[in-house]
Amino acid sequence: MEENNNQSPIDDKPTTTPPHSLAASRAYIRYAGMATQMGLLIGGFAYLGVSLDKYFVTKPIFTLIGSLFGVGLSLYMFIKQAFNDK
């Protein structure tokens, strides 16, 4: 016959999160936030460039300038944040 010790299989699992997975989660969240920040900066400056091109009725010069400025600024901020974490 089976022994009934009044414990379910769920009770055998630890109730706390191991510290290595918590650190991994924090790193994932930090880098996901940095990637989101990069995307918003590049997209925002590209949108600003498109708007300026429409306003001044120019070829896509402001779009290129805005996009490149957004890429440069986002890379600068990414590198700055990555080196400050150490």
N, C-alpha and C. Protein backbone atom coordinates (compact mmCIF):
# COMPACT_ATOMS: atom_id res chain seq x y z
N MET A 1 0.81 -1.18 0.00
CA MET A 1 0.00 0.00 0.00
C MET A 1 0.86 1.25 0.00
N GLU A 2 0.22 2.33 -0.40
CA GLU A 2 0.92 3.62 -0.42
C GLU A 2 0.94 4.24 0.95
N GLU A 3 2.03 4.94 1.21
CA GLU A 3 2.10 5.68 2.46
C GLU A 3 1.52 7.07 2.22
N ASN A 4 0.76 7.55 3.13
CA ASN A 4 0.19 8.88 3.04
C ASN A 4 0.83 9.74 4.12
N ASN A 5 1.75 10.59 3.71
CA ASN A 5 2.45 11.43 4.69
C ASN A 5 1.94 12.87 4.66
N ASN A 6 0.78 13.09 4.05
CA ASN A 6 0.11 14.39 4.01
C ASN A 6 0.96 15.50 3.39
N GLN A 7 1.84 15.18 2.50
CA GLN A 7 2.62 16.19 1.78
C GLN A 7 2.35 16.03 0.30
N SER A 8 2.09 17.14 -0.35
CA SER A 8 1.91 17.10 -1.79
C SER A 8 3.26 17.32 -2.46
N PRO A 9 3.40 16.98 -3.72
CA PRO A 9 4.68 17.20 -4.42
C PRO A 9 5.05 18.68 -4.50
N ILE A 10 4.08 19.56 -4.39
CA ILE A 10 4.37 20.99 -4.46
C ILE A 10 5.14 21.44 -3.23
N ASP A 11 4.89 20.81 -2.08
CA ASP A 11 5.56 21.21 -0.84
C ASP A 11 7.05 20.89 -0.85
N ASP A 12 7.50 20.03 -1.74
CA ASP A 12 8.90 19.66 -1.79
C ASP A 12 9.78 20.71 -2.44
N LYS A 13 9.18 21.68 -3.14
CA LYS A 13 9.95 22.70 -3.85
C LYS A 13 10.37 23.79 -2.88
N PRO A 14 11.56 24.37 -3.07
CA PRO A 14 11.97 25.47 -2.20
C PRO A 14 11.09 26.70 -2.42
N THR A 15 10.87 27.44 -1.36
CA THR A 15 9.99 28.60 -1.45
C THR A 15 10.75 29.87 -1.79
N THR A 16 12.05 29.87 -1.70
CA THR A 16 12.82 31.07 -2.02
C THR A 16 13.48 30.92 -3.38
N THR A 17 13.75 32.05 -3.99
CA THR A 17 14.41 32.07 -5.29
C THR A 17 15.91 31.99 -5.07
N PRO A 18 16.59 31.11 -5.79
CA PRO A 18 18.05 31.04 -5.65
C PRO A 18 18.69 32.38 -6.04
N PRO A 19 19.74 32.80 -5.35
CA PRO A 19 20.33 34.11 -5.62
C PRO A 19 20.88 34.26 -7.03
N HIS A 20 21.37 33.18 -7.64
CA HIS A 20 21.91 33.32 -9.00
C HIS A 20 20.82 33.63 -10.01
N SER A 21 19.62 33.13 -9.83
CA SER A 21 18.57 33.44 -10.78
C SER A 21 18.04 34.86 -10.56
N LEU A 22 18.09 35.35 -9.33
CA LEU A 22 17.67 36.72 -9.05
C LEU A 22 18.64 37.71 -9.70
N ALA A 23 19.93 37.42 -9.62
CA ALA A 23 20.92 38.28 -10.26
C ALA A 23 20.77 38.25 -11.77
N ALA A 24 20.47 37.09 -12.31
CA ALA A 24 20.27 36.98 -13.76
C ALA A 24 19.03 37.76 -14.19
N SER A 25 17.99 37.72 -13.38
CA SER A 25 16.78 38.48 -13.70
C SER A 25 17.05 39.97 -13.68
N ARG A 26 17.81 40.42 -12.71
CA ARG A 26 18.14 41.84 -12.63
C ARG A 26 18.97 42.29 -13.83
N ALA A 27 19.92 41.46 -14.24
CA ALA A 27 20.74 41.79 -15.41
C ALA A 27 19.88 41.83 -16.67
N TYR A 28 18.96 40.88 -16.78
CA TYR A 28 18.06 40.84 -17.95
C TYR A 28 17.22 42.10 -18.00
N ILE A 29 16.66 42.49 -16.88
CA ILE A 29 15.82 43.69 -16.83
C ILE A 29 16.64 44.93 -17.15
N ARG A 30 17.86 45.01 -16.61
CA ARG A 30 18.71 46.18 -16.86
C ARG A 30 19.04 46.31 -18.35
N TYR A 31 19.44 45.22 -18.98
CA TYR A 31 19.81 45.30 -20.39
C TYR A 31 18.59 45.46 -21.30
N ALA A 32 17.46 44.92 -20.89
CA ALA A 32 16.23 45.14 -21.67
C ALA A 32 15.84 46.61 -21.61
N GLY A 33 16.02 47.23 -20.46
CA GLY A 33 15.75 48.66 -20.33
C GLY A 33 16.70 49.50 -21.17
N MET A 34 17.95 49.09 -21.22
CA MET A 34 18.93 49.82 -22.03
C MET A 34 18.59 49.70 -23.52
N ALA A 35 18.15 48.52 -23.94
CA ALA A 35 17.78 48.33 -25.35
C ALA A 35 16.53 49.15 -25.70
N THR A 36 15.58 49.20 -24.77
CA THR A 36 14.39 50.01 -24.99
C THR A 36 14.75 51.48 -25.10
N GLN A 37 15.66 51.92 -24.24
CA GLN A 37 16.11 53.31 -24.27
C GLN A 37 16.78 53.64 -25.60
N MET A 38 17.60 52.72 -26.10
CA MET A 38 18.26 52.93 -27.38
C MET A 38 17.24 53.05 -28.51
N GLY A 39 16.27 52.15 -28.51
CA GLY A 39 15.25 52.17 -29.56
C GLY A 39 14.42 53.45 -29.54
N LEU A 40 14.06 53.89 -28.35
CA LEU A 40 13.26 55.12 -28.25
C LEU A 40 14.06 56.35 -28.66
N LEU A 41 15.34 56.39 -28.30
CA LEU A 41 16.17 57.53 -28.71
C LEU A 41 16.33 57.59 -30.23
N ILE A 42 16.67 56.46 -30.83
CA ILE A 42 16.86 56.44 -32.28
C ILE A 42 15.55 56.76 -33.00
N GLY A 43 14.47 56.13 -32.56
CA GLY A 43 13.17 56.38 -33.17
C GLY A 43 12.70 57.81 -32.98
N GLY A 44 12.94 58.37 -31.81
CA GLY A 44 12.53 59.75 -31.54
C GLY A 44 13.27 60.75 -32.40
N PHE A 45 14.58 60.58 -32.53
CA PHE A 45 15.35 61.51 -33.36
C PHE A 45 15.06 61.31 -34.85
N ALA A 46 14.78 60.09 -35.26
CA ALA A 46 14.38 59.86 -36.65
C ALA A 46 13.04 60.53 -36.94
N TYR A 47 12.10 60.41 -36.00
CA TYR A 47 10.81 61.08 -36.16
C TYR A 47 10.97 62.60 -36.21
N LEU A 48 11.83 63.12 -35.36
CA LEU A 48 12.11 64.56 -35.38
C LEU A 48 12.69 64.97 -36.73
N GLY A 49 13.59 64.16 -37.28
CA GLY A 49 14.16 64.45 -38.60
C GLY A 49 13.12 64.42 -39.71
N VAL A 50 12.22 63.45 -39.67
CA VAL A 50 11.15 63.37 -40.66
C VAL A 50 10.26 64.60 -40.57
N SER A 51 9.93 64.99 -39.35
CA SER A 51 9.09 66.18 -39.16
C SER A 51 9.77 67.44 -39.68
N LEU A 52 11.06 67.58 -39.43
CA LEU A 52 11.79 68.75 -39.94
C LEU A 52 11.87 68.73 -41.46
N ASP A 53 12.04 67.55 -42.05
CA ASP A 53 12.07 67.44 -43.51
C ASP A 53 10.73 67.85 -44.12
N LYS A 54 9.64 67.48 -43.48
CA LYS A 54 8.32 67.87 -43.99
C LYS A 54 8.10 69.37 -43.81
N TYR A 55 8.54 69.90 -42.70
CA TYR A 55 8.33 71.32 -42.42
C TYR A 55 9.12 72.21 -43.39
N PHE A 56 10.39 71.85 -43.61
CA PHE A 56 11.25 72.65 -44.48
C PHE A 56 11.21 72.20 -45.94
N VAL A 57 10.46 71.17 -46.25
CA VAL A 57 10.33 70.59 -47.59
C VAL A 57 11.72 70.33 -48.18
N THR A 58 12.47 69.54 -47.48
CA THR A 58 13.82 69.18 -47.92
C THR A 58 13.88 67.69 -48.22
N LYS A 59 14.97 67.32 -48.84
CA LYS A 59 15.23 65.90 -49.03
C LYS A 59 15.52 65.31 -47.65
N PRO A 60 15.67 64.02 -47.53
CA PRO A 60 15.76 63.42 -46.19
C PRO A 60 17.08 63.72 -45.44
N ILE A 61 17.55 64.94 -45.54
CA ILE A 61 18.80 65.28 -44.85
C ILE A 61 18.61 65.32 -43.34
N PHE A 62 17.49 65.89 -42.87
CA PHE A 62 17.25 65.96 -41.43
C PHE A 62 16.94 64.57 -40.85
N THR A 63 16.33 63.72 -41.64
CA THR A 63 16.07 62.35 -41.20
C THR A 63 17.39 61.62 -40.97
N LEU A 64 18.32 61.78 -41.90
CA LEU A 64 19.63 61.15 -41.75
C LEU A 64 20.39 61.72 -40.56
N ILE A 65 20.38 63.03 -40.43
CA ILE A 65 21.08 63.67 -39.31
C ILE A 65 20.46 63.24 -37.98
N GLY A 66 19.13 63.25 -37.90
CA GLY A 66 18.46 62.85 -36.67
C GLY A 66 18.71 61.40 -36.32
N SER A 67 18.67 60.53 -37.31
CA SER A 67 18.91 59.11 -37.07
C SER A 67 20.34 58.86 -36.60
N LEU A 68 21.29 59.47 -37.27
CA LEU A 68 22.70 59.28 -36.87
C LEU A 68 22.97 59.88 -35.50
N PHE A 69 22.38 61.03 -35.22
CA PHE A 69 22.55 61.62 -33.90
C PHE A 69 21.93 60.72 -32.83
N GLY A 70 20.78 60.14 -33.10
CA GLY A 70 20.15 59.22 -32.16
C GLY A 70 20.99 57.97 -31.93
N VAL A 71 21.58 57.44 -32.98
CA VAL A 71 22.45 56.27 -32.84
C VAL A 71 23.67 56.62 -32.00
N GLY A 72 24.29 57.75 -32.30
CA GLY A 72 25.48 58.16 -31.54
C GLY A 72 25.16 58.40 -30.08
N LEU A 73 24.08 59.09 -29.81
CA LEU A 73 23.70 59.37 -28.42
C LEU A 73 23.33 58.09 -27.68
N SER A 74 22.62 57.20 -28.33
CA SER A 74 22.24 55.96 -27.66
C SER A 74 23.45 55.07 -27.39
N LEU A 75 24.40 55.02 -28.31
CA LEU A 75 25.62 54.25 -28.06
C LEU A 75 26.44 54.85 -26.93
N TYR A 76 26.51 56.17 -26.89
CA TYR A 76 27.23 56.84 -25.80
C TYR A 76 26.59 56.49 -24.45
N MET A 77 25.27 56.58 -24.39
CA MET A 77 24.58 56.29 -23.13
C MET A 77 24.70 54.81 -22.75
N PHE A 78 24.66 53.92 -23.74
CA PHE A 78 24.80 52.49 -23.47
C PHE A 78 26.18 52.19 -22.90
N ILE A 79 27.22 52.72 -23.52
CA ILE A 79 28.59 52.47 -23.05
C ILE A 79 28.79 53.08 -21.67
N LYS A 80 28.27 54.27 -21.45
CA LYS A 80 28.38 54.92 -20.15
C LYS A 80 27.72 54.09 -19.06
N GLN A 81 26.53 53.57 -19.31
CA GLN A 81 25.83 52.75 -18.34
C GLN A 81 26.51 51.40 -18.13
N ALA A 82 27.04 50.83 -19.19
CA ALA A 82 27.68 49.51 -19.08
C ALA A 82 28.96 49.60 -18.24
N PHE A 83 29.72 50.66 -18.38
CA PHE A 83 30.94 50.79 -17.60
C PHE A 83 30.67 51.25 -16.17
N ASN A 84 29.56 51.92 -15.91
CA ASN A 84 29.23 52.33 -14.55
C ASN A 84 28.72 51.19 -13.71
N ASP A 85 28.29 50.09 -14.32
CA ASP A 85 27.77 48.95 -13.59
C ASP A 85 28.88 48.12 -12.93
N LYS A 86 30.10 48.29 -13.35
CA LYS A 86 31.19 47.47 -12.82
C LYS A 86 31.81 48.07 -11.61
